[in-house]
Amino acid sequence: MPLNLEYVLSTYGIWLFTMILYVVIVRRKLKVYEHALENLETKKKL
């Protein structure tokens, strides 16, 4: 494999891994925020 192709594939792999990690972190934060919002709304109703 030429050196340029190895560079492109490794860069794409790092980018793909970073984006997957970012999506996982954002989904977890979204769940936490939604749960906190639900708790706030139930406290407000009482």
N, C-alpha and C. Protein backbone atom coordinates (compact mmCIF):
# COMPACT_ATOMS: atom_id res chain seq x y z
N MET A 1 0.84 -1.18 0.00
CA MET A 1 0.00 0.00 0.00
C MET A 1 0.88 1.25 0.00
N PRO A 2 0.56 2.20 -0.80
CA PRO A 2 1.34 3.44 -0.80
C PRO A 2 1.19 4.19 0.51
N LEU A 3 2.18 4.99 0.81
CA LEU A 3 2.19 5.74 2.05
C LEU A 3 1.01 6.70 2.14
N ASN A 4 0.64 7.31 1.05
CA ASN A 4 -0.47 8.26 1.07
C ASN A 4 -1.79 7.59 1.42
N LEU A 5 -2.01 6.39 0.90
CA LEU A 5 -3.25 5.68 1.19
C LEU A 5 -3.29 5.28 2.66
N GLU A 6 -2.17 4.87 3.23
CA GLU A 6 -2.13 4.52 4.65
C GLU A 6 -2.46 5.74 5.50
N TYR A 7 -1.95 6.88 5.11
CA TYR A 7 -2.22 8.11 5.84
C TYR A 7 -3.71 8.45 5.78
N VAL A 8 -4.32 8.34 4.63
CA VAL A 8 -5.74 8.65 4.48
C VAL A 8 -6.59 7.68 5.29
N LEU A 9 -6.28 6.40 5.22
CA LEU A 9 -7.07 5.41 5.96
C LEU A 9 -6.93 5.58 7.47
N SER A 10 -5.72 5.85 7.93
CA SER A 10 -5.54 6.04 9.37
C SER A 10 -6.22 7.31 9.84
N THR A 11 -6.17 8.36 9.06
CA THR A 11 -6.85 9.60 9.43
C THR A 11 -8.36 9.40 9.44
N TYR A 12 -8.88 8.70 8.47
CA TYR A 12 -10.32 8.41 8.42
C TYR A 12 -10.73 7.57 9.62
N GLY A 13 -9.92 6.59 9.98
CA GLY A 13 -10.22 5.75 11.14
C GLY A 13 -10.25 6.55 12.43
N ILE A 14 -9.30 7.44 12.61
CA ILE A 14 -9.27 8.29 13.81
C ILE A 14 -10.49 9.20 13.82
N TRP A 15 -10.84 9.78 12.68
CA TRP A 15 -11.99 10.66 12.60
C TRP A 15 -13.27 9.89 12.92
N LEU A 16 -13.41 8.69 12.38
CA LEU A 16 -14.60 7.88 12.60
C LEU A 16 -14.73 7.51 14.07
N PHE A 17 -13.64 7.10 14.70
CA PHE A 17 -13.64 6.76 16.12
C PHE A 17 -14.04 7.97 16.96
N THR A 18 -13.51 9.14 16.63
CA THR A 18 -13.82 10.35 17.38
C THR A 18 -15.29 10.72 17.26
N MET A 19 -15.84 10.60 16.06
CA MET A 19 -17.24 10.95 15.87
C MET A 19 -18.16 9.97 16.61
N ILE A 20 -17.83 8.69 16.59
CA ILE A 20 -18.64 7.71 17.32
C ILE A 20 -18.59 8.00 18.82
N LEU A 21 -17.42 8.29 19.33
CA LEU A 21 -17.26 8.63 20.74
C LEU A 21 -18.06 9.89 21.08
N TYR A 22 -18.03 10.88 20.21
CA TYR A 22 -18.78 12.12 20.42
C TYR A 22 -20.28 11.85 20.48
N VAL A 23 -20.79 11.03 19.58
CA VAL A 23 -22.22 10.72 19.56
C VAL A 23 -22.63 10.01 20.84
N VAL A 24 -21.81 9.07 21.31
CA VAL A 24 -22.12 8.35 22.54
C VAL A 24 -22.17 9.31 23.73
N ILE A 25 -21.21 10.20 23.82
CA ILE A 25 -21.17 11.16 24.93
C ILE A 25 -22.37 12.10 24.88
N VAL A 26 -22.72 12.58 23.69
CA VAL A 26 -23.84 13.50 23.55
C VAL A 26 -25.15 12.81 23.92
N ARG A 27 -25.32 11.56 23.53
CA ARG A 27 -26.55 10.83 23.88
C ARG A 27 -26.67 10.65 25.38
N ARG A 28 -25.56 10.33 26.05
CA ARG A 28 -25.60 10.19 27.51
C ARG A 28 -25.96 11.50 28.18
N LYS A 29 -25.37 12.60 27.73
CA LYS A 29 -25.68 13.90 28.32
C LYS A 29 -27.14 14.27 28.08
N LEU A 30 -27.66 13.94 26.90
CA LEU A 30 -29.05 14.24 26.58
C LEU A 30 -29.98 13.48 27.52
N LYS A 31 -29.69 12.22 27.81
CA LYS A 31 -30.50 11.45 28.75
C LYS A 31 -30.48 12.08 30.13
N VAL A 32 -29.32 12.53 30.58
CA VAL A 32 -29.20 13.16 31.90
C VAL A 32 -30.01 14.44 31.93
N TYR A 33 -29.91 15.27 30.89
CA TYR A 33 -30.65 16.52 30.85
C TYR A 33 -32.16 16.29 30.79
N GLU A 34 -32.59 15.29 30.03
CA GLU A 34 -34.02 14.98 29.95
C GLU A 34 -34.54 14.52 31.29
N HIS A 35 -33.77 13.70 31.98
CA HIS A 35 -34.18 13.20 33.29
C HIS A 35 -34.27 14.36 34.29
N ALA A 36 -33.29 15.26 34.26
CA ALA A 36 -33.32 16.41 35.15
C ALA A 36 -34.52 17.31 34.84
N LEU A 37 -34.85 17.48 33.57
CA LEU A 37 -35.99 18.29 33.19
C LEU A 37 -37.30 17.66 33.67
N GLU A 38 -37.41 16.34 33.54
CA GLU A 38 -38.61 15.66 34.03
C GLU A 38 -38.74 15.83 35.55
N ASN A 39 -37.64 15.71 36.27
CA ASN A 39 -37.69 15.90 37.72
C ASN A 39 -38.10 17.32 38.07
N LEU A 40 -37.60 18.29 37.35
CA LEU A 40 -37.93 19.68 37.60
C LEU A 40 -39.41 19.93 37.33
N GLU A 41 -39.94 19.34 36.26
CA GLU A 41 -41.34 19.53 35.93
C GLU A 41 -42.24 18.89 36.99
N THR A 42 -41.87 17.71 37.50
CA THR A 42 -42.70 17.06 38.52
C THR A 42 -42.64 17.85 39.84
N LYS A 43 -41.51 18.41 40.16
CA LYS A 43 -41.40 19.23 41.38
C LYS A 43 -42.22 20.50 41.23
N LYS A 44 -42.27 21.04 40.02
CA LYS A 44 -43.00 22.27 39.78
C LYS A 44 -44.51 22.03 39.92
N LYS A 45 -44.98 20.84 39.54
CA LYS A 45 -46.41 20.52 39.63
C LYS A 45 -46.85 20.36 41.07
N LEU A 46 -45.95 19.92 41.93
CA LEU A 46 -46.32 19.72 43.34
C LEU A 46 -46.41 21.03 44.00
